[in-house]
């Protein structure tokens, strides 16, 4: 699961650089991103697109977990902010995130087998 968490963190950086999946880089991406510095992504676009497909598959199964994953990894909301947004405890947020990571991990495994 730790590897999947790393992949999701990298996918979040990648998605932020590409304007939240709008299909083109954000205006600032070519100029070092917001704040003048680009976040270095450790994986190729192909890998990040695969992670994106796995996250998107989660939307069909559990829309709330899909939104949570996006809020945490793409929007970089803290556990505290997520707890406030979803009106749950931070412990519940951690549990929900863990569940979402497991589901994304399973989907990544299914995508890998299909390839």
PDB file of N, CA and C in Angstrom:
ATOM      1  N   UNK A   1       0.810  -1.201   0.000  1.00  0.00           N
ATOM      2  CA  UNK A   1       0.000   0.000   0.000  1.00  0.00           C
ATOM      3  C   UNK A   1       0.858   1.272   0.000  1.00  0.00           C
ATOM      4  N   UNK A   2       2.033   1.186   0.582  1.00  0.00           N
ATOM      5  CA  UNK A   2       2.891   2.381   0.607  1.00  0.00           C
ATOM      6  C   UNK A   2       3.254   2.826  -0.800  1.00  0.00           C
ATOM      7  N   UNK A   3       3.480   1.857  -1.683  1.00  0.00           N
ATOM      8  CA  UNK A   3       3.808   2.216  -3.061  1.00  0.00           C
ATOM      9  C   UNK A   3       2.619   2.904  -3.728  1.00  0.00           C
ATOM     10  N   UNK A   4       1.421   2.435  -3.453  1.00  0.00           N
ATOM     11  CA  UNK A   4       0.226   3.062  -4.020  1.00  0.00           C
ATOM     12  C   UNK A   4       0.066   4.476  -3.477  1.00  0.00           C
ATOM     13  N   UNK A   5       0.355   4.683  -2.196  1.00  0.00           N
ATOM     14  CA  UNK A   5       0.302   6.041  -1.634  1.00  0.00           C
ATOM     15  C   UNK A   5       1.298   6.946  -2.343  1.00  0.00           C
ATOM     16  N   UNK A   6       2.503   6.428  -2.600  1.00  0.00           N
ATOM     17  CA  UNK A   6       3.516   7.208  -3.325  1.00  0.00           C
ATOM     18  C   UNK A   6       3.012   7.528  -4.730  1.00  0.00           C
ATOM     19  N   UNK A   7       2.448   6.535  -5.407  1.00  0.00           N
ATOM     20  CA  UNK A   7       1.913   6.770  -6.755  1.00  0.00           C
ATOM     21  C   UNK A   7       0.825   7.841  -6.732  1.00  0.00           C
ATOM     22  N   UNK A   8      -0.049   7.783  -5.729  1.00  0.00           N
ATOM     23  CA  UNK A   8      -1.119   8.778  -5.630  1.00  0.00           C
ATOM     24  C   UNK A   8      -0.567  10.169  -5.343  1.00  0.00           C
ATOM     25  N   UNK A   9       0.451  10.252  -4.508  1.00  0.00           N
ATOM     26  CA  UNK A   9       1.066  11.553  -4.221  1.00  0.00           C
ATOM     27  C   UNK A   9       1.699  12.123  -5.493  1.00  0.00           C
ATOM     28  N   UNK A  10       2.368  11.278  -6.252  1.00  0.00           N
ATOM     29  CA  UNK A  10       2.976  11.721  -7.508  1.00  0.00           C
ATOM     30  C   UNK A  10       1.905  12.085  -8.530  1.00  0.00           C
ATOM     31  N   UNK A  11       0.835  11.306  -8.569  1.00  0.00           N
ATOM     32  CA  UNK A  11      -0.283  11.605  -9.470  1.00  0.00           C
ATOM     33  C   UNK A  11      -0.892  12.965  -9.126  1.00  0.00           C
ATOM     34  N   UNK A  12      -1.005  13.272  -7.830  1.00  0.00           N
ATOM     35  CA  UNK A  12      -1.524  14.570  -7.414  1.00  0.00           C
ATOM     36  C   UNK A  12      -0.666  15.704  -7.930  1.00  0.00           C
ATOM     37  N   UNK A  13       0.664  15.557  -7.808  1.00  0.00           N
ATOM     38  CA  UNK A  13       1.576  16.587  -8.343  1.00  0.00           C
ATOM     39  C   UNK A  13       1.396  16.722  -9.843  1.00  0.00           C
ATOM     40  N   UNK A  14       1.373  15.579 -10.503  1.00  0.00           N
ATOM     41  CA  UNK A  14       1.245  15.556 -11.959  1.00  0.00           C
ATOM     42  C   UNK A  14      -0.061  16.217 -12.395  1.00  0.00           C
ATOM     43  N   UNK A  15      -1.159  15.879 -11.719  1.00  0.00           N
ATOM     44  CA  UNK A  15      -2.471  16.444 -12.075  1.00  0.00           C
ATOM     45  C   UNK A  15      -2.493  17.952 -11.845  1.00  0.00           C
ATOM     46  N   UNK A  16      -1.860  18.413 -10.772  1.00  0.00           N
ATOM     47  CA  UNK A  16      -1.815  19.862 -10.529  1.00  0.00           C
ATOM     48  C   UNK A  16      -1.040  20.563 -11.635  1.00  0.00           C
ATOM     49  N   UNK A  17       0.028  19.956 -12.121  1.00  0.00           N
ATOM     50  CA  UNK A  17       0.809  20.570 -13.198  1.00  0.00           C
ATOM     51  C   UNK A  17       0.024  20.613 -14.502  1.00  0.00           C
ATOM     52  N   UNK A  18      -0.877  19.681 -14.675  1.00  0.00           N
ATOM     53  CA  UNK A  18      -1.637  19.599 -15.915  1.00  0.00           C
ATOM     54  C   UNK A  18      -3.025  20.189 -15.776  1.00  0.00           C
ATOM     55  N   UNK A  19      -3.231  21.063 -14.834  1.00  0.00           N
ATOM     56  CA  UNK A  19      -4.489  21.792 -14.738  1.00  0.00           C
ATOM     57  C   UNK A  19      -5.678  20.940 -14.350  1.00  0.00           C
ATOM     58  N   UNK A  20      -5.486  20.002 -13.411  1.00  0.00           N
ATOM     59  CA  UNK A  20      -6.575  19.165 -12.926  1.00  0.00           C
ATOM     60  C   UNK A  20      -7.289  18.425 -14.047  1.00  0.00           C
ATOM     61  N   UNK A  21      -6.490  17.791 -14.900  1.00  0.00           N
ATOM     62  CA  UNK A  21      -7.016  16.939 -15.963  1.00  0.00           C
ATOM     63  C   UNK A  21      -7.869  17.680 -16.982  1.00  0.00           C
ATOM     64  N   UNK A  22      -7.556  18.924 -17.244  1.00  0.00           N
ATOM     65  CA  UNK A  22      -8.280  19.664 -18.280  1.00  0.00           C
ATOM     66  C   UNK A  22      -7.780  19.305 -19.671  1.00  0.00           C
ATOM     67  N   UNK A  23      -6.693  18.525 -19.726  1.00  0.00           N
ATOM     68  CA  UNK A  23      -6.187  18.079 -21.008  1.00  0.00           C
ATOM     69  C   UNK A  23      -5.054  18.938 -21.546  1.00  0.00           C
ATOM     70  N   UNK A  24      -4.662  19.951 -20.806  1.00  0.00           N
ATOM     71  CA  UNK A  24      -3.544  20.780 -21.222  1.00  0.00           C
ATOM     72  C   UNK A  24      -2.878  21.345 -19.976  1.00  0.00           C
ATOM     73  N   UNK A  25      -1.618  21.728 -20.076  1.00  0.00           N
ATOM     74  CA  UNK A  25      -0.932  22.265 -18.902  1.00  0.00           C
ATOM     75  C   UNK A  25      -1.572  23.571 -18.448  1.00  0.00           C
ATOM     76  N   UNK A  26      -1.519  23.799 -17.130  1.00  0.00           N
ATOM     77  CA  UNK A  26      -2.006  25.083 -16.642  1.00  0.00           C
ATOM     78  C   UNK A  26      -1.093  26.174 -17.164  1.00  0.00           C
ATOM     79  N   UNK A  27      -1.581  27.394 -17.186  1.00  0.00           N
ATOM     80  CA  UNK A  27      -0.808  28.511 -17.736  1.00  0.00           C
ATOM     81  C   UNK A  27       0.526  28.663 -17.045  1.00  0.00           C
ATOM     82  N   UNK A  28       0.600  28.337 -15.751  1.00  0.00           N
ATOM     83  CA  UNK A  28       1.849  28.524 -15.022  1.00  0.00           C
ATOM     84  C   UNK A  28       2.750  27.298 -15.069  1.00  0.00           C
ATOM     85  N   UNK A  29       2.259  26.166 -15.573  1.00  0.00           N
ATOM     86  CA  UNK A  29       3.055  24.935 -15.526  1.00  0.00           C
ATOM     87  C   UNK A  29       4.377  25.074 -16.262  1.00  0.00           C
ATOM     88  N   UNK A  30       4.368  25.727 -17.407  1.00  0.00           N
ATOM     89  CA  UNK A  30       5.597  25.875 -18.167  1.00  0.00           C
ATOM     90  C   UNK A  30       6.555  26.885 -17.570  1.00  0.00           C
ATOM     91  N   UNK A  31       6.099  27.620 -16.585  1.00  0.00           N
ATOM     92  CA  UNK A  31       6.919  28.647 -15.963  1.00  0.00           C
ATOM     93  C   UNK A  31       7.242  28.320 -14.522  1.00  0.00           C
ATOM     94  N   UNK A  32       7.259  27.026 -14.209  1.00  0.00           N
ATOM     95  CA  UNK A  32       7.641  26.628 -12.867  1.00  0.00           C
ATOM     96  C   UNK A  32       6.468  26.477 -11.921  1.00  0.00           C
ATOM     97  N   UNK A  33       5.251  26.507 -12.404  1.00  0.00           N
ATOM     98  CA  UNK A  33       4.093  26.272 -11.559  1.00  0.00           C
ATOM     99  C   UNK A  33       3.785  27.435 -10.653  1.00  0.00           C
ATOM    100  N   UNK A  34       2.807  27.243  -9.804  1.00  0.00           N
ATOM    101  CA  UNK A  34       2.389  28.273  -8.865  1.00  0.00           C
ATOM    102  C   UNK A  34       3.526  28.543  -7.898  1.00  0.00           C
ATOM    103  N   UNK A  35       3.807  29.791  -7.643  1.00  0.00           N
ATOM    104  CA  UNK A  35       4.874  30.140  -6.720  1.00  0.00           C
ATOM    105  C   UNK A  35       6.250  30.097  -7.349  1.00  0.00           C
ATOM    106  N   UNK A  36       6.320  29.817  -8.649  1.00  0.00           N
ATOM    107  CA  UNK A  36       7.590  29.898  -9.350  1.00  0.00           C
ATOM    108  C   UNK A  36       8.444  28.647  -9.297  1.00  0.00           C
ATOM    109  N   UNK A  37       7.932  27.538  -8.758  1.00  0.00           N
ATOM    110  CA  UNK A  37       8.727  26.319  -8.772  1.00  0.00           C
ATOM    111  C   UNK A  37       7.840  25.140  -9.133  1.00  0.00           C
ATOM    112  N   UNK A  38       8.349  24.296 -10.005  1.00  0.00           N
ATOM    113  CA  UNK A  38       7.598  23.118 -10.435  1.00  0.00           C
ATOM    114  C   UNK A  38       7.881  21.966  -9.487  1.00  0.00           C
ATOM    115  N   UNK A  39       6.860  21.163  -9.253  1.00  0.00           N
ATOM    116  CA  UNK A  39       7.049  19.958  -8.465  1.00  0.00           C
ATOM    117  C   UNK A  39       7.550  18.870  -9.406  1.00  0.00           C
ATOM    118  N   UNK A  40       8.614  18.208  -9.038  1.00  0.00           N
ATOM    119  CA  UNK A  40       9.173  17.153  -9.866  1.00  0.00           C
ATOM    120  C   UNK A  40       8.373  15.874  -9.661  1.00  0.00           C
ATOM    121  N   UNK A  41       7.901  15.308 -10.758  1.00  0.00           N
ATOM    122  CA  UNK A  41       7.153  14.056 -10.724  1.00  0.00           C
ATOM    123  C   UNK A  41       8.116  12.928 -11.055  1.00  0.00           C
ATOM    124  N   UNK A  42       8.075  11.865 -10.252  1.00  0.00           N
ATOM    125  CA  UNK A  42       9.041  10.775 -10.368  1.00  0.00           C
ATOM    126  C   UNK A  42       8.703   9.744 -11.439  1.00  0.00           C
ATOM    127  N   UNK A  43       7.483   9.783 -11.963  1.00  0.00           N
ATOM    128  CA  UNK A  43       7.044   8.755 -12.904  1.00  0.00           C
ATOM    129  C   UNK A  43       6.661   9.373 -14.241  1.00  0.00           C
ATOM    130  N   UNK A  44       6.590   8.522 -15.251  1.00  0.00           N
ATOM    131  CA  UNK A  44       6.243   8.980 -16.604  1.00  0.00           C
ATOM    132  C   UNK A  44       4.761   9.343 -16.697  1.00  0.00           C
ATOM    133  N   UNK A  45       4.432  10.075 -17.749  1.00  0.00           N
ATOM    134  CA  UNK A  45       3.035  10.414 -18.008  1.00  0.00           C
ATOM    135  C   UNK A  45       2.180   9.160 -18.155  1.00  0.00           C
ATOM    136  N   UNK A  46       2.732   8.116 -18.781  1.00  0.00           N
ATOM    137  CA  UNK A  46       1.978   6.874 -18.965  1.00  0.00           C
ATOM    138  C   UNK A  46       1.579   6.262 -17.623  1.00  0.00           C
ATOM    139  N   UNK A  47       2.516   6.239 -16.674  1.00  0.00           N
ATOM    140  CA  UNK A  47       2.226   5.696 -15.346  1.00  0.00           C
ATOM    141  C   UNK A  47       1.181   6.565 -14.653  1.00  0.00           C
ATOM    142  N   UNK A  48       1.346   7.884 -14.743  1.00  0.00           N
ATOM    143  CA  UNK A  48       0.411   8.786 -14.075  1.00  0.00           C
ATOM    144  C   UNK A  48      -0.990   8.701 -14.692  1.00  0.00           C
ATOM    145  N   UNK A  49      -1.069   8.495 -16.002  1.00  0.00           N
ATOM    146  CA  UNK A  49      -2.365   8.324 -16.646  1.00  0.00           C
ATOM    147  C   UNK A  49      -3.035   7.041 -16.173  1.00  0.00           C
ATOM    148  N   UNK A  50      -2.250   5.998 -15.961  1.00  0.00           N
ATOM    149  CA  UNK A  50      -2.783   4.735 -15.441  1.00  0.00           C
ATOM    150  C   UNK A  50      -3.333   4.937 -14.028  1.00  0.00           C
ATOM    151  N   UNK A  51      -2.601   5.656 -13.197  1.00  0.00           N
ATOM    152  CA  UNK A  51      -3.077   5.954 -11.843  1.00  0.00           C
ATOM    153  C   UNK A  51      -4.365   6.772 -11.939  1.00  0.00           C
ATOM    154  N   UNK A  52      -4.410   7.722 -12.846  1.00  0.00           N
ATOM    155  CA  UNK A  52      -5.614   8.513 -13.049  1.00  0.00           C
ATOM    156  C   UNK A  52      -6.806   7.655 -13.434  1.00  0.00           C
ATOM    157  N   UNK A  53      -6.581   6.648 -14.284  1.00  0.00           N
ATOM    158  CA  UNK A  53      -7.664   5.731 -14.659  1.00  0.00           C
ATOM    159  C   UNK A  53      -8.141   4.935 -13.448  1.00  0.00           C
ATOM    160  N   UNK A  54      -7.203   4.512 -12.600  1.00  0.00           N
ATOM    161  CA  UNK A  54      -7.572   3.761 -11.395  1.00  0.00           C
ATOM    162  C   UNK A  54      -8.383   4.638 -10.441  1.00  0.00           C
ATOM    163  N   UNK A  55      -7.987   5.889 -10.295  1.00  0.00           N
ATOM    164  CA  UNK A  55      -8.728   6.818  -9.435  1.00  0.00           C
ATOM    165  C   UNK A  55     -10.109   7.073 -10.026  1.00  0.00           C
ATOM    166  N   UNK A  56     -10.174   7.258 -11.327  1.00  0.00           N
ATOM    167  CA  UNK A  56     -11.463   7.516 -11.979  1.00  0.00           C
ATOM    168  C   UNK A  56     -12.400   6.317 -11.826  1.00  0.00           C
ATOM    169  N   UNK A  57     -11.847   5.103 -11.849  1.00  0.00           N
ATOM    170  CA  UNK A  57     -12.671   3.902 -11.657  1.00  0.00           C
ATOM    171  C   UNK A  57     -13.304   3.911 -10.268  1.00  0.00           C
ATOM    172  N   UNK A  58     -12.614   4.485  -9.293  1.00  0.00           N
ATOM    173  CA  UNK A  58     -13.151   4.590  -7.941  1.00  0.00           C
ATOM    174  C   UNK A  58     -14.431   5.420  -7.925  1.00  0.00           C
ATOM    175  N   UNK A  59     -14.514   6.390  -8.802  1.00  0.00           N
ATOM    176  CA  UNK A  59     -15.700   7.258  -8.879  1.00  0.00           C
ATOM    177  C   UNK A  59     -16.970   6.452  -9.133  1.00  0.00           C
ATOM    178  N   UNK A  60     -16.854   5.412  -9.956  1.00  0.00           N
ATOM    179  CA  UNK A  60     -18.007   4.577 -10.287  1.00  0.00           C
ATOM    180  C   UNK A  60     -18.438   3.709  -9.105  1.00  0.00           C
ATOM    181  N   UNK A  61     -17.492   3.354  -8.245  1.00  0.00           N
ATOM    182  CA  UNK A  61     -17.758   2.470  -7.116  1.00  0.00           C
ATOM    183  C   UNK A  61     -18.171   3.258  -5.878  1.00  0.00           C
ATOM    184  N   UNK A  62     -17.461   4.356  -5.615  1.00  0.00           N
ATOM    185  CA  UNK A  62     -17.717   5.135  -4.394  1.00  0.00           C
ATOM    186  C   UNK A  62     -17.341   6.592  -4.648  1.00  0.00           C
ATOM    187  N   UNK A  63     -18.337   7.393  -4.986  1.00  0.00           N
ATOM    188  CA  UNK A  63     -18.101   8.794  -5.350  1.00  0.00           C
ATOM    189  C   UNK A  63     -17.485   9.592  -4.206  1.00  0.00           C
ATOM    190  N   UNK A  64     -17.851   9.281  -2.971  1.00  0.00           N
ATOM    191  CA  UNK A  64     -17.298  10.017  -1.838  1.00  0.00           C
ATOM    192  C   UNK A  64     -15.803   9.734  -1.671  1.00  0.00           C
ATOM    193  N   UNK A  65     -15.399   8.465  -1.812  1.00  0.00           N
ATOM    194  CA  UNK A  65     -13.972   8.145  -1.720  1.00  0.00           C
ATOM    195  C   UNK A  65     -13.199   8.765  -2.883  1.00  0.00           C
ATOM    196  N   UNK A  66     -13.822   8.798  -4.047  1.00  0.00           N
ATOM    197  CA  UNK A  66     -13.200   9.448  -5.207  1.00  0.00           C
ATOM    198  C   UNK A  66     -12.935  10.924  -4.902  1.00  0.00           C
ATOM    199  N   UNK A  67     -13.936  11.592  -4.351  1.00  0.00           N
ATOM    200  CA  UNK A  67     -13.773  13.005  -4.010  1.00  0.00           C
ATOM    201  C   UNK A  67     -12.712  13.193  -2.921  1.00  0.00           C
ATOM    202  N   UNK A  68     -12.708  12.302  -1.947  1.00  0.00           N
ATOM    203  CA  UNK A  68     -11.729  12.374  -0.861  1.00  0.00           C
ATOM    204  C   UNK A  68     -10.303  12.232  -1.387  1.00  0.00           C
ATOM    205  N   UNK A  69     -10.090  11.252  -2.268  1.00  0.00           N
ATOM    206  CA  UNK A  69      -8.765  11.039  -2.871  1.00  0.00           C
ATOM    207  C   UNK A  69      -8.328  12.294  -3.622  1.00  0.00           C
ATOM    208  N   UNK A  70      -9.242  12.868  -4.384  1.00  0.00           N
ATOM    209  CA  UNK A  70      -8.917  14.082  -5.128  1.00  0.00           C
ATOM    210  C   UNK A  70      -8.609  15.246  -4.194  1.00  0.00           C
ATOM    211  N   UNK A  71      -9.413  15.402  -3.158  1.00  0.00           N
ATOM    212  CA  UNK A  71      -9.181  16.484  -2.193  1.00  0.00           C
ATOM    213  C   UNK A  71      -7.834  16.332  -1.501  1.00  0.00           C
ATOM    214  N   UNK A  72      -7.471  15.127  -1.163  1.00  0.00           N
ATOM    215  CA  UNK A  72      -6.233  14.899  -0.408  1.00  0.00           C
ATOM    216  C   UNK A  72      -4.996  14.964  -1.296  1.00  0.00           C
ATOM    217  N   UNK A  73      -5.018  14.233  -2.399  1.00  0.00           N
ATOM    218  CA  UNK A  73      -3.809  14.130  -3.225  1.00  0.00           C
ATOM    219  C   UNK A  73      -3.693  15.225  -4.287  1.00  0.00           C
ATOM    220  N   UNK A  74      -4.792  15.658  -4.893  1.00  0.00           N
ATOM    221  CA  UNK A  74      -4.710  16.709  -5.912  1.00  0.00           C
ATOM    222  C   UNK A  74      -4.811  18.101  -5.306  1.00  0.00           C
ATOM    223  N   UNK A  75      -5.769  18.276  -4.429  1.00  0.00           N
ATOM    224  CA  UNK A  75      -5.976  19.610  -3.844  1.00  0.00           C
ATOM    225  C   UNK A  75      -5.123  19.845  -2.611  1.00  0.00           C
ATOM    226  N   UNK A  76      -4.506  18.788  -2.106  1.00  0.00           N
ATOM    227  CA  UNK A  76      -3.608  18.848  -0.951  1.00  0.00           C
ATOM    228  C   UNK A  76      -4.287  19.383   0.316  1.00  0.00           C
ATOM    229  N   UNK A  77      -5.552  18.999   0.513  1.00  0.00           N
ATOM    230  CA  UNK A  77      -6.221  19.360   1.757  1.00  0.00           C
ATOM    231  C   UNK A  77      -5.685  18.467   2.872  1.00  0.00           C
ATOM    232  N   UNK A  78      -5.475  19.038   4.035  1.00  0.00           N
ATOM    233  CA  UNK A  78      -4.968  18.274   5.175  1.00  0.00           C
ATOM    234  C   UNK A  78      -6.077  17.385   5.739  1.00  0.00           C
ATOM    235  N   UNK A  79      -5.673  16.431   6.584  1.00  0.00           N
ATOM    236  CA  UNK A  79      -6.668  15.578   7.240  1.00  0.00           C
ATOM    237  C   UNK A  79      -7.639  16.428   8.057  1.00  0.00           C
ATOM    238  N   UNK A  80      -7.130  17.452   8.691  1.00  0.00           N
ATOM    239  CA  UNK A  80      -7.984  18.345   9.482  1.00  0.00           C
ATOM    240  C   UNK A  80      -9.013  19.049   8.596  1.00  0.00           C
ATOM    241  N   UNK A  81      -8.552  19.552   7.460  1.00  0.00           N
ATOM    242  CA  UNK A  81      -9.465  20.230   6.541  1.00  0.00           C
ATOM    243  C   UNK A  81     -10.504  19.256   5.982  1.00  0.00           C
ATOM    244  N   UNK A  82     -10.073  18.032   5.694  1.00  0.00           N
ATOM    245  CA  UNK A  82     -11.002  17.020   5.194  1.00  0.00           C
ATOM    246  C   UNK A  82     -12.037  16.659   6.252  1.00  0.00           C
ATOM    247  N   UNK A  83     -11.593  16.557   7.504  1.00  0.00           N
ATOM    248  CA  UNK A  83     -12.520  16.244   8.590  1.00  0.00           C
ATOM    249  C   UNK A  83     -13.597  17.319   8.692  1.00  0.00           C
ATOM    250  N   UNK A  84     -13.193  18.552   8.541  1.00  0.00           N
ATOM    251  CA  UNK A  84     -14.157  19.654   8.577  1.00  0.00           C
ATOM    252  C   UNK A  84     -15.091  19.593   7.372  1.00  0.00           C
ATOM    253  N   UNK A  85     -14.532  19.395   6.201  1.00  0.00           N
ATOM    254  CA  UNK A  85     -15.336  19.359   4.981  1.00  0.00           C
ATOM    255  C   UNK A  85     -16.373  18.236   5.007  1.00  0.00           C
ATOM    256  N   UNK A  86     -15.935  17.052   5.444  1.00  0.00           N
ATOM    257  CA  UNK A  86     -16.813  15.884   5.419  1.00  0.00           C
ATOM    258  C   UNK A  86     -17.566  15.668   6.735  1.00  0.00           C
ATOM    259  N   UNK A  87     -17.290  16.537   7.708  1.00  0.00           N
ATOM    260  CA  UNK A  87     -17.953  16.472   9.020  1.00  0.00           C
ATOM    261  C   UNK A  87     -17.777  15.122   9.687  1.00  0.00           C
ATOM    262  N   UNK A  88     -16.524  14.678   9.702  1.00  0.00           N
ATOM    263  CA  UNK A  88     -16.147  13.438  10.386  1.00  0.00           C
ATOM    264  C   UNK A  88     -14.885  13.717  11.197  1.00  0.00           C
ATOM    265  N   UNK A  89     -14.486  12.757  12.007  1.00  0.00           N
ATOM    266  CA  UNK A  89     -13.260  12.925  12.798  1.00  0.00           C
ATOM    267  C   UNK A  89     -12.037  12.705  11.910  1.00  0.00           C
ATOM    268  N   UNK A  90     -10.891  13.160  12.390  1.00  0.00           N
ATOM    269  CA  UNK A  90      -9.649  12.943  11.641  1.00  0.00           C
ATOM    270  C   UNK A  90      -9.348  11.450  11.542  1.00  0.00           C
ATOM    271  N   UNK A  91      -9.691  10.716  12.592  1.00  0.00           N
ATOM    272  CA  UNK A  91      -9.476   9.265  12.559  1.00  0.00           C
ATOM    273  C   UNK A  91     -10.324   8.635  11.451  1.00  0.00           C
ATOM    274  N   UNK A  92     -11.556   9.113  11.298  1.00  0.00           N
ATOM    275  CA  UNK A  92     -12.410   8.615  10.218  1.00  0.00           C
ATOM    276  C   UNK A  92     -11.833   8.988   8.853  1.00  0.00           C
ATOM    277  N   UNK A  93     -11.266  10.171   8.757  1.00  0.00           N
ATOM    278  CA  UNK A  93     -10.629  10.584   7.497  1.00  0.00           C
ATOM    279  C   UNK A  93      -9.495   9.626   7.159  1.00  0.00           C
ATOM    280  N   UNK A  94      -8.647   9.320   8.146  1.00  0.00           N
ATOM    281  CA  UNK A  94      -7.536   8.387   7.907  1.00  0.00           C
ATOM    282  C   UNK A  94      -8.060   7.018   7.463  1.00  0.00           C
ATOM    283  N   UNK A  95      -9.129   6.566   8.083  1.00  0.00           N
ATOM    284  CA  UNK A  95      -9.719   5.282   7.727  1.00  0.00           C
ATOM    285  C   UNK A  95     -10.290   5.306   6.314  1.00  0.00           C
ATOM    286  N   UNK A  96     -10.987   6.374   5.978  1.00  0.00           N
ATOM    287  CA  UNK A  96     -11.542   6.512   4.630  1.00  0.00           C
ATOM    288  C   UNK A  96     -10.437   6.594   3.574  1.00  0.00           C
ATOM    289  N   UNK A  97      -9.376   7.332   3.882  1.00  0.00           N
ATOM    290  CA  UNK A  97      -8.245   7.424   2.944  1.00  0.00           C
ATOM    291  C   UNK A  97      -7.605   6.057   2.744  1.00  0.00           C
ATOM    292  N   UNK A  98      -7.441   5.312   3.834  1.00  0.00           N
ATOM    293  CA  UNK A  98      -6.855   3.973   3.732  1.00  0.00           C
ATOM    294  C   UNK A  98      -7.726   3.075   2.858  1.00  0.00           C
ATOM    295  N   UNK A  99      -9.032   3.163   3.043  1.00  0.00           N
ATOM    296  CA  UNK A  99      -9.959   2.373   2.235  1.00  0.00           C
ATOM    297  C   UNK A  99      -9.860   2.763   0.761  1.00  0.00           C
ATOM    298  N   UNK A 100      -9.772   4.047   0.502  1.00  0.00           N
ATOM    299  CA  UNK A 100      -9.653   4.528  -0.881  1.00  0.00           C
ATOM    300  C   UNK A 100      -8.356   4.049  -1.522  1.00  0.00           C
ATOM    301  N   UNK A 101      -7.270   4.090  -0.761  1.00  0.00           N
ATOM    302  CA  UNK A 101      -5.976   3.637  -1.286  1.00  0.00           C
ATOM    303  C   UNK A 101      -6.041   2.143  -1.627  1.00  0.00           C
ATOM    304  N   UNK A 102      -6.680   1.349  -0.775  1.00  0.00           N
ATOM    305  CA  UNK A 102      -6.833  -0.083  -1.045  1.00  0.00           C
ATOM    306  C   UNK A 102      -7.602  -0.294  -2.349  1.00  0.00           C
ATOM    307  N   UNK A 103      -8.671   0.453  -2.538  1.00  0.00           N
ATOM    308  CA  UNK A 103      -9.472   0.299  -3.760  1.00  0.00           C
ATOM    309  C   UNK A 103      -8.700   0.720  -4.999  1.00  0.00           C
ATOM    310  N   UNK A 104      -7.934   1.800  -4.893  1.00  0.00           N
ATOM    311  CA  UNK A 104      -7.104   2.221  -6.028  1.00  0.00           C
ATOM    312  C   UNK A 104      -6.031   1.173  -6.298  1.00  0.00           C
ATOM    313  N   UNK A 105      -5.436   0.619  -5.244  1.00  0.00           N
ATOM    314  CA  UNK A 105      -4.415  -0.420  -5.394  1.00  0.00           C
ATOM    315  C   UNK A 105      -4.980  -1.631  -6.134  1.00  0.00           C
ATOM    316  N   UNK A 106      -6.175  -2.043  -5.767  1.00  0.00           N
ATOM    317  CA  UNK A 106      -6.818  -3.174  -6.451  1.00  0.00           C
ATOM    318  C   UNK A 106      -7.057  -2.858  -7.921  1.00  0.00           C
ATOM    319  N   UNK A 107      -7.511  -1.656  -8.198  1.00  0.00           N
ATOM    320  CA  UNK A 107      -7.765  -1.267  -9.586  1.00  0.00           C
ATOM    321  C   UNK A 107      -6.466  -1.218 -10.387  1.00  0.00           C
ATOM    322  N   UNK A 108      -5.402  -0.724  -9.761  1.00  0.00           N
ATOM    323  CA  UNK A 108      -4.101  -0.715 -10.449  1.00  0.00           C
ATOM    324  C   UNK A 108      -3.664  -2.142 -10.770  1.00  0.00           C
ATOM    325  N   UNK A 109      -3.898  -3.051  -9.836  1.00  0.00           N
ATOM    326  CA  UNK A 109      -3.579  -4.466 -10.100  1.00  0.00           C
ATOM    327  C   UNK A 109      -4.389  -5.026 -11.253  1.00  0.00           C
ATOM    328  N   UNK A 110      -5.662  -4.694 -11.307  1.00  0.00           N
ATOM    329  CA  UNK A 110      -6.513  -5.149 -12.400  1.00  0.00           C
ATOM    330  C   UNK A 110      -6.067  -4.556 -13.731  1.00  0.00           C
ATOM    331  N   UNK A 111      -5.702  -3.281 -13.727  1.00  0.00           N
ATOM    332  CA  UNK A 111      -5.215  -2.642 -14.951  1.00  0.00           C
ATOM    333  C   UNK A 111      -3.908  -3.274 -15.411  1.00  0.00           C
ATOM    334  N   UNK A 112      -3.037  -3.610 -14.471  1.00  0.00           N
ATOM    335  CA  UNK A 112      -1.752  -4.236 -14.812  1.00  0.00           C
ATOM    336  C   UNK A 112      -1.971  -5.623 -15.430  1.00  0.00           C
ATOM    337  N   UNK A 113      -2.922  -6.372 -14.898  1.00  0.00           N
ATOM    338  CA  UNK A 113      -3.215  -7.703 -15.435  1.00  0.00           C
ATOM    339  C   UNK A 113      -3.817  -7.625 -16.826  1.00  0.00           C
ATOM    340  N   UNK A 114      -4.608  -6.590 -17.053  1.00  0.00           N
ATOM    341  CA  UNK A 114      -5.256  -6.440 -18.355  1.00  0.00           C
ATOM    342  C   UNK A 114      -4.269  -6.012 -19.435  1.00  0.00           C
ATOM    343  N   UNK A 115      -3.157  -5.436 -19.029  1.00  0.00           N
ATOM    344  CA  UNK A 115      -2.190  -4.913 -20.003  1.00  0.00           C
ATOM    345  C   UNK A 115      -1.342  -6.004 -20.630  1.00  0.00           C
TER     346      UNK A 115
END
